[in-house]
Amino acid sequence: MTRRLRLTLRVDADNAPALGHGKIRLLEQIEQTGSISAAGRAMGMSYRRTWLLVDSVNRLFAEPVVAARPGGGGGARLTESGREVLALYRQAEEQATQGAADTLRRLEDYLAPVASS
């Protein structure tokens, strides 16, 4: 069996990690579940870790990307800006993947084969 490489994208702001596939997956889970805590559970994260990540993404942008209704169990949603950020990230990821496709195929030629069990 041959190993396959996949390109992931991380966006840095001022030389610090800002947005990557983990935070993007969290935003997608919030959009699907309508809940910050349910999104975190779906990703195997603690409530605190989930809220810290949402807060860091909200602080990164001029407008919040996630809007939570106050009070426990109130739900959450992506804002219009949040949906646009998500779409732009996925667009950049697709562009990077297309641009690197030949190089990734060449890199795969150098990978060790998957060990048989």
Protein backbone atom coordinates (compact mmCIF):
# COMPACT_ATOMS: atom_id res chain seq x y z
CA MET A 1 0.00 0.00 0.00
CA THR A 2 1.27 3.45 -0.92
CA ARG A 3 1.12 6.42 1.39
CA ARG A 4 -0.69 9.54 0.22
CA LEU A 5 0.31 13.04 1.22
CA ARG A 6 -2.17 15.81 1.93
CA LEU A 7 -1.39 19.48 2.14
CA THR A 8 -2.78 21.46 5.07
CA LEU A 9 -2.77 25.20 5.38
CA ARG A 10 -1.85 27.36 8.35
CA VAL A 11 -2.26 31.11 8.20
CA ASP A 12 0.00 33.20 10.42
CA ALA A 13 -0.63 36.76 11.55
CA ASP A 14 2.36 38.81 12.67
CA ASN A 15 4.56 35.68 12.68
CA ALA A 16 2.22 33.76 15.00
CA PRO A 17 -0.15 30.91 14.11
CA ALA A 18 -3.61 32.35 13.59
CA LEU A 19 -5.81 30.01 11.60
CA GLY A 20 -5.34 26.41 10.60
CA HIS A 21 -7.21 23.23 9.86
CA GLY A 22 -8.14 22.62 13.53
CA LYS A 23 -9.81 25.98 14.06
CA ILE A 24 -11.48 25.72 10.67
CA ARG A 25 -12.86 22.28 11.57
CA LEU A 26 -14.16 23.78 14.81
CA LEU A 27 -15.95 26.55 12.90
CA GLU A 28 -17.49 23.93 10.61
CA GLN A 29 -18.66 21.92 13.62
CA ILE A 30 -20.22 25.03 15.17
CA GLU A 31 -22.03 25.67 11.91
CA GLN A 32 -23.27 22.05 11.84
CA THR A 33 -24.23 21.68 15.50
CA GLY A 34 -25.32 25.21 16.38
CA SER A 35 -23.39 24.88 19.63
CA ILE A 36 -19.86 25.68 20.74
CA SER A 37 -19.83 22.97 23.40
CA ALA A 38 -21.30 20.32 21.04
CA ALA A 39 -18.71 21.25 18.43
CA GLY A 40 -15.93 20.79 20.98
CA ARG A 41 -17.32 17.43 22.10
CA ALA A 42 -17.49 16.27 18.48
CA MET A 43 -13.79 17.08 18.19
CA GLY A 44 -12.84 15.53 21.54
CA MET A 45 -11.96 18.85 23.17
CA SER A 46 -12.75 20.16 26.62
CA TYR A 47 -15.31 22.90 27.05
CA ARG A 48 -12.59 25.33 28.16
CA ARG A 49 -10.28 24.55 25.22
CA THR A 50 -13.15 24.99 22.78
CA TRP A 51 -14.11 28.38 24.21
CA LEU A 52 -10.48 29.55 24.22
CA LEU A 53 -10.14 28.66 20.54
CA VAL A 54 -13.39 30.41 19.63
CA ASP A 55 -12.28 33.48 21.57
CA SER A 56 -8.89 33.52 19.83
CA VAL A 57 -10.54 33.35 16.39
CA ASN A 58 -13.05 36.06 17.30
CA ARG A 59 -10.24 38.35 18.52
CA LEU A 60 -8.23 37.74 15.34
CA PHE A 61 -10.77 39.36 13.05
CA ALA A 62 -12.31 42.85 13.02
CA GLU A 63 -15.78 41.33 13.46
CA PRO A 64 -16.63 38.18 15.43
CA VAL A 65 -16.82 34.99 13.38
CA VAL A 66 -18.86 33.12 16.01
CA ALA A 67 -21.87 34.60 17.78
CA ALA A 68 -23.06 32.84 20.94
CA ARG A 69 -26.39 33.49 22.56
CA PRO A 70 -25.91 34.28 26.24
CA GLY A 71 -26.83 31.74 28.88
CA GLY A 72 -25.98 28.07 29.01
CA GLY A 73 -27.37 26.04 26.15
CA GLY A 74 -28.23 29.15 24.17
CA GLY A 75 -26.54 27.97 21.01
CA ALA A 76 -24.08 29.57 18.64
CA ARG A 77 -23.72 30.30 14.97
CA LEU A 78 -21.21 31.59 12.50
CA THR A 79 -21.71 35.21 11.61
CA GLU A 80 -21.77 36.34 8.00
CA SER A 81 -18.10 37.26 8.44
CA GLY A 82 -17.45 33.81 9.90
CA ARG A 83 -18.98 32.05 6.91
CA GLU A 84 -16.89 34.22 4.60
CA VAL A 85 -13.69 33.51 6.56
CA LEU A 86 -14.44 29.80 6.36
CA ALA A 87 -15.07 29.97 2.60
CA LEU A 88 -11.93 32.03 1.96
CA TYR A 89 -9.78 29.62 3.98
CA ARG A 90 -11.15 26.62 2.05
CA GLN A 91 -10.56 28.49 -1.22
CA ALA A 92 -6.93 29.23 -0.28
CA GLU A 93 -6.47 25.61 0.79
CA GLU A 94 -7.78 24.36 -2.57
CA GLN A 95 -5.56 26.76 -4.48
CA ALA A 96 -2.49 25.68 -2.49
CA THR A 97 -3.34 22.00 -2.98
CA GLN A 98 -3.72 22.43 -6.73
CA GLY A 99 -0.48 24.39 -6.94
CA ALA A 100 1.47 21.77 -4.98
CA ALA A 101 -0.07 18.65 -6.58
CA ASP A 102 2.93 17.75 -8.78
CA THR A 103 5.41 18.34 -5.96
CA LEU A 104 3.39 16.20 -3.54
CA ARG A 105 3.27 13.36 -6.08
CA ARG A 106 7.05 13.56 -6.42
CA LEU A 107 7.46 13.57 -2.63
CA GLU A 108 5.26 10.47 -2.37
CA ASP A 109 7.79 8.61 -4.54
CA TYR A 110 10.29 8.97 -1.69
CA LEU A 111 8.02 7.70 1.10
CA ALA A 112 8.67 4.35 2.71
CA PRO A 113 5.96 1.80 1.95
CA VAL A 114 3.33 1.08 4.58
CA ALA A 115 4.37 -1.96 6.60
CA SER A 116 2.13 -5.00 6.21
CA SER A 117 0.69 -6.41 9.41
